[in-house]
Amino acid sequence: MTPSDLQQLFFLTDNQRRALEQYAELLVKWQSRISLVSRTTLTNLWSRHFLDSAQLLIHMKNLPGPVLDLGSGAGFPGLVLSIIGRNDIVMVESDSRKVAFLQAVASATGVSPIIKGCRIESLQFIAAGIVTARALASVDRLLRYSEPYFHEETVFLFLKGEQVDDELIIAKNTWKMLVTKYSSITYPQGVVLKLEKITRV
């Protein structure tokens, strides 16, 4: 996977492609100072992180925002989505070093997501249209984190691995939900987990 491949897949402009390239360069630079991603994935950034994040755009087409990205970390998926087309991203990250990284990338690439440097529990109220998360917590924990910020029309899009079915079994003890699983385009055992109509049991 190359930047040009990603550009063709998602019909990105040259400016968007260049912004992602700047993002990747800054990620590698900052990685030497703080741990942003697993070091073993640095040689496969474009598939493992950028494409993996970008695929969520397919599933949020025509869905209203704002998009609340929980535990944004190195910016996957929130910052990628901001660069490639969503202008309503709210990113939440408690690690001040990662917040500084997110702000640096946003400034360098010319995008303007809202970046909140706080714990999810401390976030000021936002009525989220979409909630996203990647490599943060179990389904049940993610729903508990986001409970103050969702409503009956909120759609949840989580990038999940092979433990997703076990996580859903546990989550269904507490939550009623409409579940749809889409195969990940980057990881054979991975899924894009779409949850809708969330209520407590």
C-alpha atoms as a PDB file:
ATOM      1  CA  MET A   1       0.000   0.000   0.000  1.00  0.00           C
ATOM      2  CA  THR A   2       1.342   3.408  -1.030  1.00  0.00           C
ATOM      3  CA  PRO A   3      -0.026   6.946  -0.659  1.00  0.00           C
ATOM      4  CA  SER A   4      -1.001   6.862  -4.338  1.00  0.00           C
ATOM      5  CA  ASP A   5      -2.888   3.591  -3.814  1.00  0.00           C
ATOM      6  CA  LEU A   6      -4.847   5.162  -0.978  1.00  0.00           C
ATOM      7  CA  GLN A   7      -5.533   8.223  -3.109  1.00  0.00           C
ATOM      8  CA  GLN A   8      -7.018   6.088  -5.873  1.00  0.00           C
ATOM      9  CA  LEU A   9      -9.104   3.945  -3.512  1.00  0.00           C
ATOM     10  CA  PHE A  10     -10.752   6.919  -1.833  1.00  0.00           C
ATOM     11  CA  PHE A  11     -10.656   9.432  -4.700  1.00  0.00           C
ATOM     12  CA  LEU A  12      -8.493  11.808  -2.692  1.00  0.00           C
ATOM     13  CA  THR A  13      -7.175  15.090  -3.998  1.00  0.00           C
ATOM     14  CA  ASP A  14      -3.457  15.653  -4.378  1.00  0.00           C
ATOM     15  CA  ASN A  15      -3.604  17.972  -1.376  1.00  0.00           C
ATOM     16  CA  GLN A  16      -5.210  15.268   0.750  1.00  0.00           C
ATOM     17  CA  ARG A  17      -2.584  12.745  -0.311  1.00  0.00           C
ATOM     18  CA  ARG A  18       0.202  15.176   0.504  1.00  0.00           C
ATOM     19  CA  ALA A  19      -1.372  15.888   3.888  1.00  0.00           C
ATOM     20  CA  LEU A  20      -1.355  12.174   4.694  1.00  0.00           C
ATOM     21  CA  GLU A  21       2.281  11.975   3.618  1.00  0.00           C
ATOM     22  CA  GLN A  22       3.108  14.860   5.972  1.00  0.00           C
ATOM     23  CA  TYR A  23       1.227  13.025   8.713  1.00  0.00           C
ATOM     24  CA  ALA A  24       3.287   9.880   8.128  1.00  0.00           C
ATOM     25  CA  GLU A  25       6.547  11.835   8.183  1.00  0.00           C
ATOM     26  CA  LEU A  26       5.645  13.506  11.469  1.00  0.00           C
ATOM     27  CA  LEU A  27       4.575  10.182  12.939  1.00  0.00           C
ATOM     28  CA  VAL A  28       7.953   8.622  12.219  1.00  0.00           C
ATOM     29  CA  LYS A  29       9.730  11.697  13.593  1.00  0.00           C
ATOM     30  CA  TRP A  30       7.726  11.817  16.825  1.00  0.00           C
ATOM     31  CA  GLN A  31       7.862   8.043  17.275  1.00  0.00           C
ATOM     32  CA  SER A  32      11.515   8.386  18.280  1.00  0.00           C
ATOM     33  CA  ARG A  33      10.417  10.439  21.298  1.00  0.00           C
ATOM     34  CA  ILE A  34       7.066   8.967  22.304  1.00  0.00           C
ATOM     35  CA  SER A  35       5.397   5.659  21.542  1.00  0.00           C
ATOM     36  CA  LEU A  36       2.608   6.419  19.078  1.00  0.00           C
ATOM     37  CA  VAL A  37       2.245   3.069  17.299  1.00  0.00           C
ATOM     38  CA  SER A  38       3.830  -0.349  17.631  1.00  0.00           C
ATOM     39  CA  ARG A  39       7.360  -0.178  16.233  1.00  0.00           C
ATOM     40  CA  THR A  40       6.715  -3.358  14.240  1.00  0.00           C
ATOM     41  CA  THR A  41       4.066  -1.537  12.180  1.00  0.00           C
ATOM     42  CA  LEU A  42       6.289   1.339  11.050  1.00  0.00           C
ATOM     43  CA  THR A  43       7.275  -0.502   7.878  1.00  0.00           C
ATOM     44  CA  ASN A  44       3.605  -1.009   7.006  1.00  0.00           C
ATOM     45  CA  LEU A  45       2.091   2.310   8.043  1.00  0.00           C
ATOM     46  CA  TRP A  46      -0.055   2.835   4.971  1.00  0.00           C
ATOM     47  CA  SER A  47      -1.974  -0.409   5.186  1.00  0.00           C
ATOM     48  CA  ARG A  48      -1.865  -1.055   8.910  1.00  0.00           C
ATOM     49  CA  HIS A  49      -2.867   2.412  10.065  1.00  0.00           C
ATOM     50  CA  PHE A  50      -3.894   4.779   7.266  1.00  0.00           C
ATOM     51  CA  LEU A  51      -5.985   2.395   5.159  1.00  0.00           C
ATOM     52  CA  ASP A  52      -7.383   0.699   8.261  1.00  0.00           C
ATOM     53  CA  SER A  53      -8.636   4.069   9.490  1.00  0.00           C
ATOM     54  CA  ALA A  54      -9.785   5.374   6.115  1.00  0.00           C
ATOM     55  CA  GLN A  55     -12.130   2.427   5.555  1.00  0.00           C
ATOM     56  CA  LEU A  56     -14.489   3.888   8.169  1.00  0.00           C
ATOM     57  CA  LEU A  57     -15.309   6.692   5.740  1.00  0.00           C
ATOM     58  CA  ILE A  58     -17.156   4.142   3.603  1.00  0.00           C
ATOM     59  CA  HIS A  59     -19.449   3.261   6.498  1.00  0.00           C
ATOM     60  CA  MET A  60     -20.231   6.820   7.586  1.00  0.00           C
ATOM     61  CA  LYS A  61     -21.259   8.128   4.185  1.00  0.00           C
ATOM     62  CA  ASN A  62     -24.358  10.324   4.520  1.00  0.00           C
ATOM     63  CA  LEU A  63     -24.382   9.918   8.314  1.00  0.00           C
ATOM     64  CA  PRO A  64     -24.630  13.182  10.270  1.00  0.00           C
ATOM     65  CA  GLY A  65     -21.976  14.117  12.787  1.00  0.00           C
ATOM     66  CA  PRO A  66     -20.312  15.229  14.813  1.00  0.00           C
ATOM     67  CA  VAL A  67     -17.900  12.294  14.920  1.00  0.00           C
ATOM     68  CA  LEU A  68     -16.627  11.610  18.437  1.00  0.00           C
ATOM     69  CA  ASP A  69     -13.317   9.729  18.257  1.00  0.00           C
ATOM     70  CA  LEU A  70     -12.526   8.094  21.589  1.00  0.00           C
ATOM     71  CA  GLY A  71      -8.937   7.669  22.749  1.00  0.00           C
ATOM     72  CA  SER A  72      -7.496   9.192  19.592  1.00  0.00           C
ATOM     73  CA  GLY A  73      -3.878   8.332  20.396  1.00  0.00           C
ATOM     74  CA  ALA A  74      -1.785   8.804  17.266  1.00  0.00           C
ATOM     75  CA  GLY A  75      -4.844   9.980  15.326  1.00  0.00           C
ATOM     76  CA  PHE A  76      -6.179   6.685  14.016  1.00  0.00           C
ATOM     77  CA  PRO A  77      -8.905   6.875  12.862  1.00  0.00           C
ATOM     78  CA  GLY A  78      -9.955  10.432  13.758  1.00  0.00           C
ATOM     79  CA  LEU A  79      -7.167  12.467  12.209  1.00  0.00           C
ATOM     80  CA  VAL A  80      -7.134  10.373   9.031  1.00  0.00           C
ATOM     81  CA  LEU A  81     -10.888  10.891   8.651  1.00  0.00           C
ATOM     82  CA  SER A  82     -10.430  14.618   9.186  1.00  0.00           C
ATOM     83  CA  ILE A  83      -7.862  14.802   6.393  1.00  0.00           C
ATOM     84  CA  ILE A  84      -9.804  12.722   3.873  1.00  0.00           C
ATOM     85  CA  GLY A  85     -13.184  14.333   4.181  1.00  0.00           C
ATOM     86  CA  ARG A  86     -14.924  14.671   7.561  1.00  0.00           C
ATOM     87  CA  ASN A  87     -14.903  18.228   8.862  1.00  0.00           C
ATOM     88  CA  ASP A  88     -16.789  17.452  12.072  1.00  0.00           C
ATOM     89  CA  ILE A  89     -14.314  15.344  14.062  1.00  0.00           C
ATOM     90  CA  VAL A  90     -13.989  15.703  17.835  1.00  0.00           C
ATOM     91  CA  MET A  91     -10.923  13.852  19.130  1.00  0.00           C
ATOM     92  CA  VAL A  92     -10.469  12.938  22.792  1.00  0.00           C
ATOM     93  CA  GLU A  93      -7.043  11.977  24.158  1.00  0.00           C
ATOM     94  CA  SER A  94      -5.812  12.141  27.757  1.00  0.00           C
ATOM     95  CA  ASP A  95      -2.053  11.800  27.101  1.00  0.00           C
ATOM     96  CA  SER A  96      -0.679  15.336  26.788  1.00  0.00           C
ATOM     97  CA  ARG A  97       2.228  14.188  24.603  1.00  0.00           C
ATOM     98  CA  LYS A  98      -0.139  12.601  22.105  1.00  0.00           C
ATOM     99  CA  VAL A  99      -2.343  15.690  22.197  1.00  0.00           C
ATOM    100  CA  ALA A 100       0.716  17.751  21.235  1.00  0.00           C
ATOM    101  CA  PHE A 101       1.369  15.362  18.349  1.00  0.00           C
ATOM    102  CA  LEU A 102      -2.225  15.583  17.124  1.00  0.00           C
ATOM    103  CA  GLN A 103      -2.091  19.373  17.259  1.00  0.00           C
ATOM    104  CA  ALA A 104       1.209  19.411  15.358  1.00  0.00           C
ATOM    105  CA  VAL A 105      -0.167  17.207  12.579  1.00  0.00           C
ATOM    106  CA  ALA A 106      -3.411  19.174  12.342  1.00  0.00           C
ATOM    107  CA  SER A 107      -1.441  22.415  12.049  1.00  0.00           C
ATOM    108  CA  ALA A 108       0.965  21.010   9.449  1.00  0.00           C
ATOM    109  CA  THR A 109      -1.778  19.500   7.295  1.00  0.00           C
ATOM    110  CA  GLY A 110      -4.229  22.385   7.505  1.00  0.00           C
ATOM    111  CA  VAL A 111      -7.136  20.485   9.027  1.00  0.00           C
ATOM    112  CA  SER A 112      -9.064  21.632  12.077  1.00  0.00           C
ATOM    113  CA  PRO A 113     -10.586  18.813  14.105  1.00  0.00           C
ATOM    114  CA  ILE A 114     -11.542  19.687  17.660  1.00  0.00           C
ATOM    115  CA  ILE A 115      -8.858  18.116  19.861  1.00  0.00           C
ATOM    116  CA  LYS A 116      -9.785  17.656  23.519  1.00  0.00           C
ATOM    117  CA  GLY A 117      -6.919  16.926  25.882  1.00  0.00           C
ATOM    118  CA  CYS A 118      -8.862  15.226  28.659  1.00  0.00           C
ATOM    119  CA  ARG A 119     -10.208  11.917  29.866  1.00  0.00           C
ATOM    120  CA  ILE A 120     -13.351  10.745  28.099  1.00  0.00           C
ATOM    121  CA  GLU A 121     -15.272  10.964  31.385  1.00  0.00           C
ATOM    122  CA  SER A 122     -14.329  14.651  31.710  1.00  0.00           C
ATOM    123  CA  LEU A 123     -15.448  15.703  28.241  1.00  0.00           C
ATOM    124  CA  GLN A 124     -17.941  18.538  28.170  1.00  0.00           C
ATOM    125  CA  PHE A 125     -21.273  17.441  26.743  1.00  0.00           C
ATOM    126  CA  ILE A 126     -21.444  16.685  23.047  1.00  0.00           C
ATOM    127  CA  ALA A 127     -24.332  14.990  21.245  1.00  0.00           C
ATOM    128  CA  ALA A 128     -22.432  12.649  18.933  1.00  0.00           C
ATOM    129  CA  GLY A 129     -23.882  11.516  15.631  1.00  0.00           C
ATOM    130  CA  ILE A 130     -21.117   8.940  15.189  1.00  0.00           C
ATOM    131  CA  VAL A 131     -18.724   7.417  17.730  1.00  0.00           C
ATOM    132  CA  THR A 132     -15.458   5.820  16.572  1.00  0.00           C
ATOM    133  CA  ALA A 133     -12.669   3.963  18.353  1.00  0.00           C
ATOM    134  CA  ARG A 134      -9.706   1.802  17.455  1.00  0.00           C
ATOM    135  CA  ALA A 135      -7.612  -0.372  19.787  1.00  0.00           C
ATOM    136  CA  LEU A 136      -8.965   1.319  22.903  1.00  0.00           C
ATOM    137  CA  ALA A 137     -11.245  -0.967  24.928  1.00  0.00           C
ATOM    138  CA  SER A 138     -13.885  -3.695  24.808  1.00  0.00           C
ATOM    139  CA  VAL A 139     -17.290  -3.026  23.257  1.00  0.00           C
ATOM    140  CA  ASP A 140     -18.952  -2.848  26.673  1.00  0.00           C
ATOM    141  CA  ARG A 141     -16.350  -0.412  27.981  1.00  0.00           C
ATOM    142  CA  LEU A 142     -16.608   1.759  24.857  1.00  0.00           C
ATOM    143  CA  LEU A 143     -20.371   2.029  25.253  1.00  0.00           C
ATOM    144  CA  ARG A 144     -19.984   2.939  28.929  1.00  0.00           C
ATOM    145  CA  TYR A 145     -17.424   5.599  28.033  1.00  0.00           C
ATOM    146  CA  SER A 146     -19.658   7.128  25.395  1.00  0.00           C
ATOM    147  CA  GLU A 147     -23.000   6.805  27.201  1.00  0.00           C
ATOM    148  CA  PRO A 148     -23.164  10.488  28.240  1.00  0.00           C
ATOM    149  CA  TYR A 149     -22.662  11.575  24.643  1.00  0.00           C
ATOM    150  CA  PHE A 150     -24.917   9.372  22.512  1.00  0.00           C
ATOM    151  CA  HIS A 151     -28.603   9.449  21.645  1.00  0.00           C
ATOM    152  CA  GLU A 152     -31.001   7.034  19.950  1.00  0.00           C
ATOM    153  CA  GLU A 153     -29.772   7.906  16.446  1.00  0.00           C
ATOM    154  CA  THR A 154     -26.040   7.684  17.212  1.00  0.00           C
ATOM    155  CA  VAL A 155     -24.105   5.177  15.094  1.00  0.00           C
ATOM    156  CA  PHE A 156     -21.015   3.457  16.516  1.00  0.00           C
ATOM    157  CA  LEU A 157     -18.166   2.375  14.236  1.00  0.00           C
ATOM    158  CA  PHE A 158     -15.444   0.390  15.975  1.00  0.00           C
ATOM    159  CA  LEU A 159     -12.428  -1.276  14.374  1.00  0.00           C
ATOM    160  CA  LYS A 160     -12.260  -4.675  16.052  1.00  0.00           C
ATOM    161  CA  GLY A 161     -10.245  -7.891  15.898  1.00  0.00           C
ATOM    162  CA  GLU A 162     -10.906 -11.581  16.352  1.00  0.00           C
ATOM    163  CA  GLN A 163     -12.251 -11.184  19.912  1.00  0.00           C
ATOM    164  CA  VAL A 164     -15.237  -9.175  18.724  1.00  0.00           C
ATOM    165  CA  ASP A 165     -17.806 -11.952  19.217  1.00  0.00           C
ATOM    166  CA  ASP A 166     -16.694 -12.544  22.802  1.00  0.00           C
ATOM    167  CA  GLU A 167     -16.891  -8.810  23.453  1.00  0.00           C
ATOM    168  CA  LEU A 168     -20.415  -8.645  22.031  1.00  0.00           C
ATOM    169  CA  ILE A 169     -21.598 -11.504  24.258  1.00  0.00           C
ATOM    170  CA  ILE A 170     -20.464  -9.558  27.314  1.00  0.00           C
ATOM    171  CA  ALA A 171     -21.847  -6.252  26.045  1.00  0.00           C
ATOM    172  CA  LYS A 172     -25.288  -7.732  25.416  1.00  0.00           C
ATOM    173  CA  ASN A 173     -25.651  -8.409  29.128  1.00  0.00           C
ATOM    174  CA  THR A 174     -25.978  -4.652  29.564  1.00  0.00           C
ATOM    175  CA  TRP A 175     -26.950  -3.241  26.181  1.00  0.00           C
ATOM    176  CA  LYS A 176     -29.574  -3.807  23.514  1.00  0.00           C
ATOM    177  CA  MET A 177     -28.218  -3.022  20.069  1.00  0.00           C
ATOM    178  CA  LEU A 178     -28.506  -3.579  16.349  1.00  0.00           C
ATOM    179  CA  VAL A 179     -25.228  -5.194  15.259  1.00  0.00           C
ATOM    180  CA  THR A 180     -23.701  -5.259  11.778  1.00  0.00           C
ATOM    181  CA  LYS A 181     -20.223  -6.621  11.071  1.00  0.00           C
ATOM    182  CA  TYR A 182     -18.285  -5.770   7.921  1.00  0.00           C
ATOM    183  CA  SER A 183     -15.070  -7.515   6.963  1.00  0.00           C
ATOM    184  CA  SER A 184     -12.005  -5.328   7.385  1.00  0.00           C
ATOM    185  CA  ILE A 185     -10.178  -4.533   4.162  1.00  0.00           C
ATOM    186  CA  THR A 186      -6.829  -4.629   5.950  1.00  0.00           C
ATOM    187  CA  TYR A 187      -6.944  -7.558   8.366  1.00  0.00           C
ATOM    188  CA  PRO A 188      -8.482 -10.990   7.617  1.00  0.00           C
ATOM    189  CA  GLN A 189      -9.714 -11.504  11.186  1.00  0.00           C
ATOM    190  CA  GLY A 190     -10.745  -7.887  11.623  1.00  0.00           C
ATOM    191  CA  VAL A 191     -14.146  -6.248  11.316  1.00  0.00           C
ATOM    192  CA  VAL A 192     -15.725  -2.854  11.162  1.00  0.00           C
ATOM    193  CA  LEU A 193     -18.338  -3.182  13.877  1.00  0.00           C
ATOM    194  CA  LYS A 194     -21.422  -1.024  13.369  1.00  0.00           C
ATOM    195  CA  LEU A 195     -23.779  -0.623  16.316  1.00  0.00           C
ATOM    196  CA  GLU A 196     -27.101   1.197  16.244  1.00  0.00           C
ATOM    197  CA  LYS A 197     -30.189   1.738  18.414  1.00  0.00           C
ATOM    198  CA  ILE A 198     -28.254   1.406  21.662  1.00  0.00           C
ATOM    199  CA  THR A 199     -30.240   1.218  24.892  1.00  0.00           C
ATOM    200  CA  ARG A 200     -29.602  -0.348  28.263  1.00  0.00           C
ATOM    201  CA  VAL A 201     -31.194  -3.723  28.936  1.00  0.00           C
END
